[in-house]
C-alpha cells in the first residue's frame, strides 16, 4: 500500500508540472544513491521522504475512515479495489497542497 501511495503522489506532482516521471525515476535505479553523501542524494532522500510522509498520512486517514464503516474487515480492506480508489481520491484532494510546493516534490531539478 505504501509503495502504491508514494507512486501515486509522485505521479500527481509530475502531472501538475507536466514533467516526465519515468525519466526522473530512472535516476533512482542505482541502489548506491542512498549511500552517497552528495547534495543529489540528499535531495532524493528529502523528496522521497516527503512523498512517504504524505502517503502515510493519507493511508492512515483512509484506513480510519474505512474502519468506521459497517462490516469492516481489516484483511478485506487490503484486497478491495475501493481501497485503492479511496487512496487515489484522498491524494488528489491534497494536490492543491503539493501544487503550491510542487518543485520541492520532484526528484530531478530542472536545468
Protein backbone atom coordinates (compact mmCIF):
# COMPACT_ATOMS: atom_id res chain seq x y z
CA UNK A 1 0.00 0.00 0.00
CA UNK A 2 2.75 2.43 0.86
CA UNK A 3 4.52 1.88 -2.46
CA UNK A 4 1.24 2.41 -4.28
CA UNK A 5 0.57 5.66 -2.39
CA UNK A 6 4.10 7.01 -2.85
CA UNK A 7 3.92 6.23 -6.56
CA UNK A 8 0.55 7.91 -6.86
CA UNK A 9 1.74 11.04 -5.05
CA UNK A 10 4.76 11.22 -7.37
CA UNK A 11 2.51 10.85 -10.42
CA UNK A 12 0.21 13.64 -9.19
CA UNK A 13 3.06 16.11 -8.69
CA UNK A 14 4.70 15.29 -12.00
CA UNK A 15 1.37 15.61 -13.79
CA UNK A 16 0.85 19.04 -12.18
CA UNK A 17 4.20 20.19 -13.54
CA UNK A 18 3.91 18.48 -16.91
CA UNK A 19 7.15 16.63 -16.21
CA UNK A 20 8.22 13.09 -17.14
CA UNK A 21 8.26 10.87 -14.04
CA UNK A 22 9.77 7.91 -15.91
CA UNK A 23 12.85 9.90 -16.80
CA UNK A 24 13.37 11.15 -13.24
CA UNK A 25 12.58 7.86 -11.51
CA UNK A 26 15.31 6.17 -13.54
CA UNK A 27 17.77 8.30 -11.56
CA UNK A 28 16.96 6.07 -8.58
CA UNK A 29 17.90 2.89 -10.44
CA UNK A 30 21.40 2.93 -8.96
CA UNK A 31 20.90 1.48 -5.45
CA UNK A 32 24.01 3.33 -4.27
CA UNK A 33 22.21 6.69 -4.25
CA UNK A 34 21.15 6.10 -0.65
CA UNK A 35 24.76 5.69 0.46
CA UNK A 36 26.04 8.83 -1.24
CA UNK A 37 26.67 11.95 0.79
CA UNK A 38 26.38 14.44 -2.05
CA UNK A 39 23.65 17.07 -2.50
CA UNK A 40 21.90 14.99 -5.18
CA UNK A 41 21.47 12.04 -2.81
CA UNK A 42 20.30 14.36 -0.05
CA UNK A 43 17.75 15.90 -2.41
CA UNK A 44 16.47 12.44 -3.47
CA UNK A 45 16.21 11.40 0.18
CA UNK A 46 14.27 14.55 1.05
CA UNK A 47 11.86 14.21 -1.87
CA UNK A 48 11.15 10.52 -1.25
CA UNK A 49 10.73 11.31 2.45
CA UNK A 50 8.16 13.99 1.66
CA UNK A 51 6.17 11.64 -0.56
CA UNK A 52 6.43 8.91 2.07
CA UNK A 53 5.16 11.24 4.80
CA UNK A 54 2.27 12.43 2.63
CA UNK A 55 1.42 8.83 1.75
CA UNK A 56 1.47 7.58 5.33
CA UNK A 57 -0.85 10.38 6.43
CA UNK A 58 -3.16 9.56 3.54
CA UNK A 59 -3.19 5.82 4.29
CA UNK A 60 -3.93 6.46 7.97
CA UNK A 61 -6.82 8.77 7.11
CA UNK A 62 -8.33 6.39 4.55
CA UNK A 63 -7.94 3.44 6.94
CA UNK A 64 -9.53 5.30 9.85
CA UNK A 65 -12.48 6.28 7.65
CA UNK A 66 -12.91 2.71 6.42
CA UNK A 67 -12.81 1.30 9.98
CA UNK A 68 -15.93 3.26 10.81
CA UNK A 69 -17.96 1.55 8.08
CA UNK A 70 -20.28 -1.30 8.98
CA UNK A 71 -18.85 -4.72 8.24
CA UNK A 72 -15.26 -3.50 8.06
CA UNK A 73 -12.74 -6.36 7.90
CA UNK A 74 -9.06 -5.42 8.03
CA UNK A 75 -7.74 -8.05 5.62
CA UNK A 76 -10.52 -7.35 3.12
CA UNK A 77 -9.63 -3.65 3.17
CA UNK A 78 -6.24 -4.52 1.67
CA UNK A 79 -7.83 -6.64 -1.06
CA UNK A 80 -10.57 -4.26 -2.12
CA UNK A 81 -10.20 -2.13 -5.27
CA UNK A 82 -12.28 0.51 -3.48
CA UNK A 83 -9.34 0.96 -1.08
CA UNK A 84 -7.04 1.97 -3.93
CA UNK A 85 -9.74 4.27 -5.26
CA UNK A 86 -10.05 5.90 -1.83
CA UNK A 87 -6.29 6.42 -1.65
CA UNK A 88 -6.31 7.93 -5.16
CA UNK A 89 -9.15 10.26 -4.24
CA UNK A 90 -7.53 11.36 -0.99
CA UNK A 91 -4.17 12.05 -2.64
CA UNK A 92 -5.94 14.02 -5.38
CA UNK A 93 -7.65 16.08 -2.67
CA UNK A 94 -4.29 17.15 -1.23
CA UNK A 95 -2.96 18.01 -4.68
CA UNK A 96 -3.58 21.71 -4.04
CA UNK A 97 -1.04 21.48 -1.21
CA UNK A 98 1.54 19.77 -3.39
CA UNK A 99 0.88 22.15 -6.28
CA UNK A 100 1.92 25.12 -4.14
CA UNK A 101 5.27 23.47 -3.47
CA UNK A 102 5.50 21.11 -6.41
CA UNK A 103 9.11 21.98 -7.23
CA UNK A 104 10.03 20.62 -3.78
CA UNK A 105 8.36 17.30 -4.63
CA UNK A 106 10.30 16.37 -7.79
CA UNK A 107 13.38 14.20 -7.97
CA UNK A 108 15.44 15.98 -10.60
CA UNK A 109 15.76 19.72 -10.52
CA UNK A 110 15.07 21.44 -13.80
CA UNK A 111 18.07 22.69 -15.66
